[in-house]
Amino acid sequence: KRLKGRKVLIMGNHDRHQTAQAWRNAGFEECSQWPVIYKD
């Protein structure tokens, strides 16, 4: 809530203590457990 902007998480090894849905519930607009292609 304190961090500005829209936030997207690509989960790392230390983020796996919570599910992707838990991260979205915490405030990330999107969350992926896998790499994501950005701008093709």
All heavy atoms as atom14 arrays in JSON, in Angstrom:
{
  "sequence": "KRLKGRKVLIMGNHDRHQTAQAWRNAGFEECSQWPVIYKD",
  "atom14_mask": [
    [1, 1, 1, 1, 1, 1, 1, 1, 1, 0, 0, 0, 0, 0],
    [1, 1, 1, 1, 1, 1, 1, 1, 1, 1, 1, 0, 0, 0],
    [1, 1, 1, 1, 1, 1, 1, 1, 0, 0, 0, 0, 0, 0],
    [1, 1, 1, 1, 1, 1, 1, 1, 1, 0, 0, 0, 0, 0],
    [1, 1, 1, 1, 0, 0, 0, 0, 0, 0, 0, 0, 0, 0],
    [1, 1, 1, 1, 1, 1, 1, 1, 1, 1, 1, 0, 0, 0],
    [1, 1, 1, 1, 1, 1, 1, 1, 1, 0, 0, 0, 0, 0],
    [1, 1, 1, 1, 1, 1, 1, 0, 0, 0, 0, 0, 0, 0],
    [1, 1, 1, 1, 1, 1, 1, 1, 0, 0, 0, 0, 0, 0],
    [1, 1, 1, 1, 1, 1, 1, 1, 0, 0, 0, 0, 0, 0],
    [1, 1, 1, 1, 1, 1, 1, 1, 0, 0, 0, 0, 0, 0],
    [1, 1, 1, 1, 0, 0, 0, 0, 0, 0, 0, 0, 0, 0],
    [1, 1, 1, 1, 1, 1, 1, 1, 0, 0, 0, 0, 0, 0],
    [1, 1, 1, 1, 1, 1, 1, 1, 1, 1, 0, 0, 0, 0],
    [1, 1, 1, 1, 1, 1, 1, 1, 0, 0, 0, 0, 0, 0],
    [1, 1, 1, 1, 1, 1, 1, 1, 1, 1, 1, 0, 0, 0],
    [1, 1, 1, 1, 1, 1, 1, 1, 1, 1, 0, 0, 0, 0],
    [1, 1, 1, 1, 1, 1, 1, 1, 1, 0, 0, 0, 0, 0],
    [1, 1, 1, 1, 1, 1, 1, 0, 0, 0, 0, 0, 0, 0],
    [1, 1, 1, 1, 1, 0, 0, 0, 0, 0, 0, 0, 0, 0],
    [1, 1, 1, 1, 1, 1, 1, 1, 1, 0, 0, 0, 0, 0],
    [1, 1, 1, 1, 1, 0, 0, 0, 0, 0, 0, 0, 0, 0],
    [1, 1, 1, 1, 1, 1, 1, 1, 1, 1, 1, 1, 1, 1],
    [1, 1, 1, 1, 1, 1, 1, 1, 1, 1, 1, 0, 0, 0],
    [1, 1, 1, 1, 1, 1, 1, 1, 0, 0, 0, 0, 0, 0],
    [1, 1, 1, 1, 1, 0, 0, 0, 0, 0, 0, 0, 0, 0],
    [1, 1, 1, 1, 0, 0, 0, 0, 0, 0, 0, 0, 0, 0],
    [1, 1, 1, 1, 1, 1, 1, 1, 1, 1, 1, 0, 0, 0],
    [1, 1, 1, 1, 1, 1, 1, 1, 1, 0, 0, 0, 0, 0],
    [1, 1, 1, 1, 1, 1, 1, 1, 1, 0, 0, 0, 0, 0],
    [1, 1, 1, 1, 1, 1, 0, 0, 0, 0, 0, 0, 0, 0],
    [1, 1, 1, 1, 1, 1, 0, 0, 0, 0, 0, 0, 0, 0],
    [1, 1, 1, 1, 1, 1, 1, 1, 1, 0, 0, 0, 0, 0],
    [1, 1, 1, 1, 1, 1, 1, 1, 1, 1, 1, 1, 1, 1],
    [1, 1, 1, 1, 1, 1, 1, 0, 0, 0, 0, 0, 0, 0],
    [1, 1, 1, 1, 1, 1, 1, 0, 0, 0, 0, 0, 0, 0],
    [1, 1, 1, 1, 1, 1, 1, 1, 0, 0, 0, 0, 0, 0],
    [1, 1, 1, 1, 1, 1, 1, 1, 1, 1, 1, 1, 0, 0],
    [1, 1, 1, 1, 1, 1, 1, 1, 1, 0, 0, 0, 0, 0],
    [1, 1, 1, 1, 1, 1, 1, 1, 0, 0, 0, 0, 0, 0]
  ],
  "atom14_positions": [
    [[0.83, -1.21, 0.0], [0.0, 0.0, 0.0], [0.86, 1.25, 0.0], [0.47, 2.28, -0.55], [-0.93, 0.01, 1.21], [-2.13, -0.87, 1.05], [-3.03, -0.78, 2.26], [-4.19, -1.75, 2.12], [-5.03, -1.79, 3.3], [0.0, 0.0, 0.0], [0.0, 0.0, 0.0], [0.0, 0.0, 0.0], [0.0, 0.0, 0.0], [0.0, 0.0, 0.0]],
    [[2.02, 1.19, 0.6], [2.92, 2.35, 0.67], [3.69, 2.57, -0.62], [4.19, 3.68, -0.86], [3.9, 2.18, 1.83], [3.22, 2.26, 3.18], [4.21, 2.11, 4.31], [5.21, 3.17, 4.29], [6.36, 3.13, 4.97], [6.65, 2.08, 5.73], [7.2, 4.14, 4.9], [0.0, 0.0, 0.0], [0.0, 0.0, 0.0], [0.0, 0.0, 0.0]],
    [[3.85, 1.54, -1.44], [4.62, 1.65, -2.68], [3.75, 2.16, -3.82], [2.68, 1.62, -4.08], [5.22, 0.29, -3.06], [6.25, -0.27, -2.09], [6.59, -1.71, -2.46], [7.5, 0.59, -2.05], [0.0, 0.0, 0.0], [0.0, 0.0, 0.0], [0.0, 0.0, 0.0], [0.0, 0.0, 0.0], [0.0, 0.0, 0.0], [0.0, 0.0, 0.0]],
    [[4.23, 3.19, -4.51], [3.48, 3.77, -5.62], [3.46, 2.82, -6.82], [4.33, 1.99, -6.99], [4.13, 5.09, -6.05], [3.99, 6.2, -5.06], [4.66, 7.45, -5.6], [4.65, 8.59, -4.61], [5.43, 9.73, -5.13], [0.0, 0.0, 0.0], [0.0, 0.0, 0.0], [0.0, 0.0, 0.0], [0.0, 0.0, 0.0], [0.0, 0.0, 0.0]],
    [[2.47, 3.04, -7.67], [2.39, 2.36, -8.95], [1.65, 1.03, -8.91], [1.23, 0.55, -7.86], [0.0, 0.0, 0.0], [0.0, 0.0, 0.0], [0.0, 0.0, 0.0], [0.0, 0.0, 0.0], [0.0, 0.0, 0.0], [0.0, 0.0, 0.0], [0.0, 0.0, 0.0], [0.0, 0.0, 0.0], [0.0, 0.0, 0.0], [0.0, 0.0, 0.0]],
    [[1.51, 0.49, -10.09], [0.93, -0.83, -10.29], [2.08, -1.82, -10.14], [3.16, -1.61, -10.7], [0.35, -0.88, -11.7], [-0.27, -2.15, -12.1], [-0.92, -1.99, -13.5], [-1.55, -3.22, -13.88], [-1.01, -4.11, -14.71], [0.14, -3.87, -15.3], [-1.65, -5.23, -14.99], [0.0, 0.0, 0.0], [0.0, 0.0, 0.0], [0.0, 0.0, 0.0]],
    [[1.86, -2.9, -9.4], [2.95, -3.82, -9.08], [2.67, -5.22, -9.62], [1.59, -5.75, -9.44], [3.16, -3.85, -7.57], [3.65, -2.48, -7.06], [3.44, -2.27, -5.59], [2.07, -1.87, -5.16], [1.61, -0.54, -5.5], [0.0, 0.0, 0.0], [0.0, 0.0, 0.0], [0.0, 0.0, 0.0], [0.0, 0.0, 0.0], [0.0, 0.0, 0.0]],
    [[3.68, -5.78, -10.3], [3.6, -7.12, -10.88], [4.75, -7.94, -10.3], [5.9, -7.49, -10.31], [3.71, -7.07, -12.42], [3.73, -8.46, -13.01], [2.59, -6.22, -13.01], [0.0, 0.0, 0.0], [0.0, 0.0, 0.0], [0.0, 0.0, 0.0], [0.0, 0.0, 0.0], [0.0, 0.0, 0.0], [0.0, 0.0, 0.0], [0.0, 0.0, 0.0]],
    [[4.46, -9.14, -9.81], [5.49, -9.99, -9.22], [5.74, -11.23, -10.08], [4.8, -11.95, -10.43], [5.05, -10.45, -7.82], [5.99, -11.42, -7.09], [7.35, -10.78, -6.81], [5.35, -11.91, -5.8], [0.0, 0.0, 0.0], [0.0, 0.0, 0.0], [0.0, 0.0, 0.0], [0.0, 0.0, 0.0], [0.0, 0.0, 0.0], [0.0, 0.0, 0.0]],
    [[6.99, -11.44, -10.41], [7.46, -12.71, -10.95], [8.1, -13.38, -9.74], [9.13, -12.92, -9.24], [8.5, -12.53, -12.08], [8.02, -11.56, -13.16], [8.91, -13.88, -12.64], [6.73, -11.91, -13.82], [0.0, 0.0, 0.0], [0.0, 0.0, 0.0], [0.0, 0.0, 0.0], [0.0, 0.0, 0.0], [0.0, 0.0, 0.0], [0.0, 0.0, 0.0]],
    [[7.48, -14.42, -9.23], [7.91, -15.0, -7.96], [9.33, -15.54, -8.02], [9.74, -16.15, -9.0], [6.95, -16.12, -7.55], [5.57, -15.62, -7.16], [4.39, -16.96, -6.88], [5.0, -17.65, -5.35], [0.0, 0.0, 0.0], [0.0, 0.0, 0.0], [0.0, 0.0, 0.0], [0.0, 0.0, 0.0], [0.0, 0.0, 0.0], [0.0, 0.0, 0.0]],
    [[10.05, -15.3, -6.92], [11.38, -15.84, -6.74], [11.38, -16.96, -5.73], [10.35, -17.27, -5.12], [0.0, 0.0, 0.0], [0.0, 0.0, 0.0], [0.0, 0.0, 0.0], [0.0, 0.0, 0.0], [0.0, 0.0, 0.0], [0.0, 0.0, 0.0], [0.0, 0.0, 0.0], [0.0, 0.0, 0.0], [0.0, 0.0, 0.0], [0.0, 0.0, 0.0]],
    [[12.53, -17.54, -5.5], [12.63, -18.67, -4.57], [12.24, -18.29, -3.15], [11.72, -19.12, -2.41], [14.04, -19.28, -4.61], [15.14, -18.28, -4.38], [15.25, -17.29, -5.1], [15.98, -18.53, -3.4], [0.0, 0.0, 0.0], [0.0, 0.0, 0.0], [0.0, 0.0, 0.0], [0.0, 0.0, 0.0], [0.0, 0.0, 0.0], [0.0, 0.0, 0.0]],
    [[12.41, -17.05, -2.75], [12.04, -16.62, -1.4], [10.59, -16.13, -1.3], [10.14, -15.73, -0.23], [12.99, -15.53, -0.89], [14.36, -16.04, -0.6], [14.68, -16.69, 0.56], [15.48, -16.03, -1.35], [15.96, -17.03, 0.54], [16.46, -16.65, -0.62], [0.0, 0.0, 0.0], [0.0, 0.0, 0.0], [0.0, 0.0, 0.0], [0.0, 0.0, 0.0]],
    [[9.86, -16.15, -2.4], [8.45, -15.74, -2.39], [7.52, -16.95, -2.29], [6.31, -16.79, -2.17], [8.1, -14.97, -3.67], [8.92, -13.72, -3.82], [9.12, -13.01, -2.81], [9.4, -13.45, -4.94], [0.0, 0.0, 0.0], [0.0, 0.0, 0.0], [0.0, 0.0, 0.0], [0.0, 0.0, 0.0], [0.0, 0.0, 0.0], [0.0, 0.0, 0.0]],
    [[8.04, -18.12, -2.32], [7.23, -19.33, -2.39], [6.61, -19.72, -1.05], [5.89, -20.7, -0.98], [8.05, -20.47, -2.97], [8.62, -20.07, -4.33], [8.49, -21.11, -5.37], [9.11, -20.68, -6.62], [8.44, -20.14, -7.62], [7.16, -19.94, -7.55], [9.08, -19.78, -8.72], [0.0, 0.0, 0.0], [0.0, 0.0, 0.0], [0.0, 0.0, 0.0]],
    [[6.87, -18.93, 0.0], [6.21, -19.19, 1.28], [4.74, -18.77, 1.22], [3.99, -19.04, 2.16], [6.94, -18.49, 2.43], [6.95, -17.01, 2.37], [7.78, -16.3, 1.52], [6.23, -16.08, 3.04], [7.56, -15.0, 1.68], [6.63, -14.84, 2.58], [0.0, 0.0, 0.0], [0.0, 0.0, 0.0], [0.0, 0.0, 0.0], [0.0, 0.0, 0.0]],
    [[4.35, -18.1, 0.13], [2.96, -17.73, -0.1], [2.58, -18.13, -1.53], [3.43, -18.18, -2.4], [2.75, -16.23, 0.08], [2.97, -15.76, 1.5], [2.53, -14.32, 1.69], [1.46, -13.93, 1.26], [3.36, -13.53, 2.34], [0.0, 0.0, 0.0], [0.0, 0.0, 0.0], [0.0, 0.0, 0.0], [0.0, 0.0, 0.0], [0.0, 0.0, 0.0]],
    [[1.3, -18.35, -1.75], [0.84, -18.69, -3.1], [0.75, -17.43, -3.96], [0.73, -16.31, -3.45], [-0.56, -19.34, -3.04], [-1.49, -18.37, -2.56], [-0.56, -20.58, -2.15], [0.0, 0.0, 0.0], [0.0, 0.0, 0.0], [0.0, 0.0, 0.0], [0.0, 0.0, 0.0], [0.0, 0.0, 0.0], [0.0, 0.0, 0.0], [0.0, 0.0, 0.0]],
    [[0.65, -17.64, -5.26], [0.48, -16.52, -6.19], [-0.78, -15.73, -5.83], [-0.79, -14.5, -5.85], [0.43, -17.01, -7.63], [0.0, 0.0, 0.0], [0.0, 0.0, 0.0], [0.0, 0.0, 0.0], [0.0, 0.0, 0.0], [0.0, 0.0, 0.0], [0.0, 0.0, 0.0], [0.0, 0.0, 0.0], [0.0, 0.0, 0.0], [0.0, 0.0, 0.0]],
    [[-1.84, -16.44, -5.47], [-3.09, -15.77, -5.09], [-2.89, -14.94, -3.82], [-3.43, -13.83, -3.7], [-4.23, -16.75, -4.91], [-5.58, -16.08, -4.68], [-5.96, -15.13, -5.81], [-5.93, -15.51, -6.99], [-6.31, -13.89, -5.49], [0.0, 0.0, 0.0], [0.0, 0.0, 0.0], [0.0, 0.0, 0.0], [0.0, 0.0, 0.0], [0.0, 0.0, 0.0]],
    [[-2.14, -15.44, -2.87], [-1.87, -14.68, -1.64], [-1.12, -13.38, -1.97], [-1.41, -12.33, -1.38], [-1.08, -15.52, -0.65], [0.0, 0.0, 0.0], [0.0, 0.0, 0.0], [0.0, 0.0, 0.0], [0.0, 0.0, 0.0], [0.0, 0.0, 0.0], [0.0, 0.0, 0.0], [0.0, 0.0, 0.0], [0.0, 0.0, 0.0], [0.0, 0.0, 0.0]],
    [[-0.19, -13.44, -2.91], [0.52, -12.22, -3.31], [-0.44, -11.23, -3.98], [-0.36, -10.03, -3.75], [1.71, -12.55, -4.22], [2.86, -13.15, -3.5], [3.32, -14.44, -3.61], [3.7, -12.52, -2.53], [4.39, -14.63, -2.77], [4.64, -13.46, -2.1], [3.75, -11.23, -1.98], [5.63, -13.17, -1.16], [4.73, -10.94, -1.04], [5.65, -11.9, -0.63]],
    [[-1.35, -11.75, -4.81], [-2.34, -10.86, -5.42], [-3.24, -10.26, -4.34], [-3.54, -9.07, -4.37], [-3.17, -11.62, -6.47], [-2.4, -11.88, -7.77], [-3.27, -12.44, -8.87], [-3.59, -13.84, -8.69], [-2.83, -14.86, -9.07], [-1.68, -14.65, -9.67], [-3.23, -16.1, -8.87], [0.0, 0.0, 0.0], [0.0, 0.0, 0.0], [0.0, 0.0, 0.0]],
    [[-3.64, -11.06, -3.37], [-4.46, -10.56, -2.27], [-3.72, -9.5, -1.45], [-4.34, -8.61, -0.89], [-4.91, -11.7, -1.35], [-5.87, -12.66, -2.03], [-6.46, -12.35, -3.07], [-6.02, -13.84, -1.45], [0.0, 0.0, 0.0], [0.0, 0.0, 0.0], [0.0, 0.0, 0.0], [0.0, 0.0, 0.0], [0.0, 0.0, 0.0], [0.0, 0.0, 0.0]],
    [[-2.41, -9.6, -1.39], [-1.61, -8.64, -0.63], [-1.48, -7.3, -1.35], [-1.22, -6.28, -0.72], [-0.23, -9.21, -0.33], [0.0, 0.0, 0.0], [0.0, 0.0, 0.0], [0.0, 0.0, 0.0], [0.0, 0.0, 0.0], [0.0, 0.0, 0.0], [0.0, 0.0, 0.0], [0.0, 0.0, 0.0], [0.0, 0.0, 0.0], [0.0, 0.0, 0.0]],
    [[-1.64, -7.31, -2.7], [-1.57, -6.04, -3.41], [-0.9, -6.05, -4.76], [-0.89, -5.03, -5.45], [0.0, 0.0, 0.0], [0.0, 0.0, 0.0], [0.0, 0.0, 0.0], [0.0, 0.0, 0.0], [0.0, 0.0, 0.0], [0.0, 0.0, 0.0], [0.0, 0.0, 0.0], [0.0, 0.0, 0.0], [0.0, 0.0, 0.0], [0.0, 0.0, 0.0]],
    [[-0.32, -7.17, -5.16], [0.22, -7.23, -6.52], [-0.95, -7.4, -7.48], [-1.84, -8.21, -7.25], [1.18, -8.42, -6.68], [2.55, -8.14, -6.13], [2.91, -8.6, -4.88], [3.47, -7.41, -6.86], [4.17, -8.34, -4.36], [4.72, -7.13, -6.36], [5.08, -7.61, -5.1], [0.0, 0.0, 0.0], [0.0, 0.0, 0.0], [0.0, 0.0, 0.0]],
    [[-0.96, -6.62, -8.56], [-2.05, -6.73, -9.53], [-1.95, -8.02, -10.33], [-2.96, -8.58, -10.75], [-2.07, -5.51, -10.44], [-2.49, -4.29, -9.66], [-2.85, -3.13, -10.55], [-3.29, -3.34, -11.69], [-2.68, -1.99, -10.08], [0.0, 0.0, 0.0], [0.0, 0.0, 0.0], [0.0, 0.0, 0.0], [0.0, 0.0, 0.0], [0.0, 0.0, 0.0]],
    [[-0.73, -8.45, -10.56], [-0.49, -9.7, -11.26], [0.64, -10.42, -10.55], [1.51, -9.8, -9.94], [-0.11, -9.46, -12.72], [-1.2, -8.82, -13.54], [-0.74, -8.54, -14.97], [0.02, -9.35, -15.54], [-1.14, -7.5, -15.5], [0.0, 0.0, 0.0], [0.0, 0.0, 0.0], [0.0, 0.0, 0.0], [0.0, 0.0, 0.0], [0.0, 0.0, 0.0]],
    [[0.64, -11.75, -10.66], [1.69, -12.56, -10.05], [1.86, -13.82, -10.88], [0.88, -14.46, -11.24], [1.32, -12.9, -8.61], [2.56, -13.9, -7.78], [0.0, 0.0, 0.0], [0.0, 0.0, 0.0], [0.0, 0.0, 0.0], [0.0, 0.0, 0.0], [0.0, 0.0, 0.0], [0.0, 0.0, 0.0], [0.0, 0.0, 0.0], [0.0, 0.0, 0.0]],
    [[3.12, -14.16, -11.18], [3.4, -15.36, -11.95], [4.49, -16.18, -11.27], [5.47, -15.63, -10.77], [3.86, -15.0, -13.37], [4.2, -16.17, -14.08], [0.0, 0.0, 0.0], [0.0, 0.0, 0.0], [0.0, 0.0, 0.0], [0.0, 0.0, 0.0], [0.0, 0.0, 0.0], [0.0, 0.0, 0.0], [0.0, 0.0, 0.0], [0.0, 0.0, 0.0]],
    [[4.29, -17.48, -11.29], [5.32, -18.38, -10.77], [6.38, -18.66, -11.83], [7.4, -19.26, -11.52], [4.68, -19.7, -10.34], [3.7, -19.55, -9.22], [3.06, -20.88, -8.87], [3.68, -21.92, -8.88], [1.78, -20.83, -8.55], [0.0, 0.0, 0.0], [0.0, 0.0, 0.0], [0.0, 0.0, 0.0], [0.0, 0.0, 0.0], [0.0, 0.0, 0.0]],
    [[6.13, -18.26, -13.06], [7.0, -18.59, -14.18], [7.51, -17.32, -14.86], [6.9, -16.26, -14.73], [6.23, -19.45, -15.19], [5.44, -20.52, -14.54], [4.08, -20.6, -14.46], [5.94, -21.65, -13.82], [3.71, -21.72, -13.75], [4.84, -22.38, -13.34], [7.23, -22.12, -13.53], [4.97, -23.54, -12.6], [7.35, -23.28, -12.79], [6.24, -23.97, -12.34]],
    [[8.57, -17.42, -15.66], [9.01, -16.26, -16.43], [7.9, -15.75, -17.34], [7.01, -16.5, -17.74], [10.18, -16.81, -17.26], [10.7, -17.94, -16.44], [9.47, -18.56, -15.81], [0.0, 0.0, 0.0], [0.0, 0.0, 0.0], [0.0, 0.0, 0.0], [0.0, 0.0, 0.0], [0.0, 0.0, 0.0], [0.0, 0.0, 0.0], [0.0, 0.0, 0.0]],
    [[7.96, -14.48, -17.66], [6.94, -13.8, -18.46], [7.63, -13.11, -19.64], [8.72, -12.55, -19.48], [6.19, -12.76, -17.59], [5.32, -11.86, -18.42], [5.39, -13.44, -16.5], [0.0, 0.0, 0.0], [0.0, 0.0, 0.0], [0.0, 0.0, 0.0], [0.0, 0.0, 0.0], [0.0, 0.0, 0.0], [0.0, 0.0, 0.0], [0.0, 0.0, 0.0]],
    [[7.0, -13.14, -20.81], [7.52, -12.41, -21.97], [6.94, -11.0, -21.93], [5.74, -10.81, -21.81], [7.12, -13.09, -23.3], [7.62, -14.53, -23.35], [7.63, -12.28, -24.49], [9.1, -14.7, -23.44], [0.0, 0.0, 0.0], [0.0, 0.0, 0.0], [0.0, 0.0, 0.0], [0.0, 0.0, 0.0], [0.0, 0.0, 0.0], [0.0, 0.0, 0.0]],
    [[7.81, -10.02, -22.04], [7.45, -8.6, -21.98], [7.81, -7.98, -23.32], [8.94, -8.11, -23.81], [8.23, -7.95, -20.83], [8.16, -6.46, -20.74], [7.08, -5.84, -20.12], [9.18, -5.67, -21.24], [7.03, -4.45, -20.02], [9.13, -4.29, -21.14], [8.06, -3.69, -20.54], [8.01, -2.32, -20.44], [0.0, 0.0, 0.0], [0.0, 0.0, 0.0]],
    [[6.84, -7.31, -23.94], [7.02, -6.63, -25.22], [7.63, -7.54, -26.29], [8.47, -7.11, -27.08], [7.86, -5.36, -25.04], [7.14, -4.32, -24.21], [7.77, -2.96, -24.32], [6.92, -1.95, -23.57], [7.4, -0.6, -23.69], [0.0, 0.0, 0.0], [0.0, 0.0, 0.0], [0.0, 0.0, 0.0], [0.0, 0.0, 0.0], [0.0, 0.0, 0.0]],
    [[7.2, -8.79, -26.31], [7.59, -9.76, -27.33], [9.09, -10.01, -27.46], [9.54, -10.64, -28.42], [7.05, -9.36, -28.72], [5.54, -9.31, -28.75], [4.9, -10.15, -28.07], [5.0, -8.44, -29.45], [0.0, 0.0, 0.0], [0.0, 0.0, 0.0], [0.0, 0.0, 0.0], [0.0, 0.0, 0.0], [0.0, 0.0, 0.0], [0.0, 0.0, 0.0]]
  ]
}
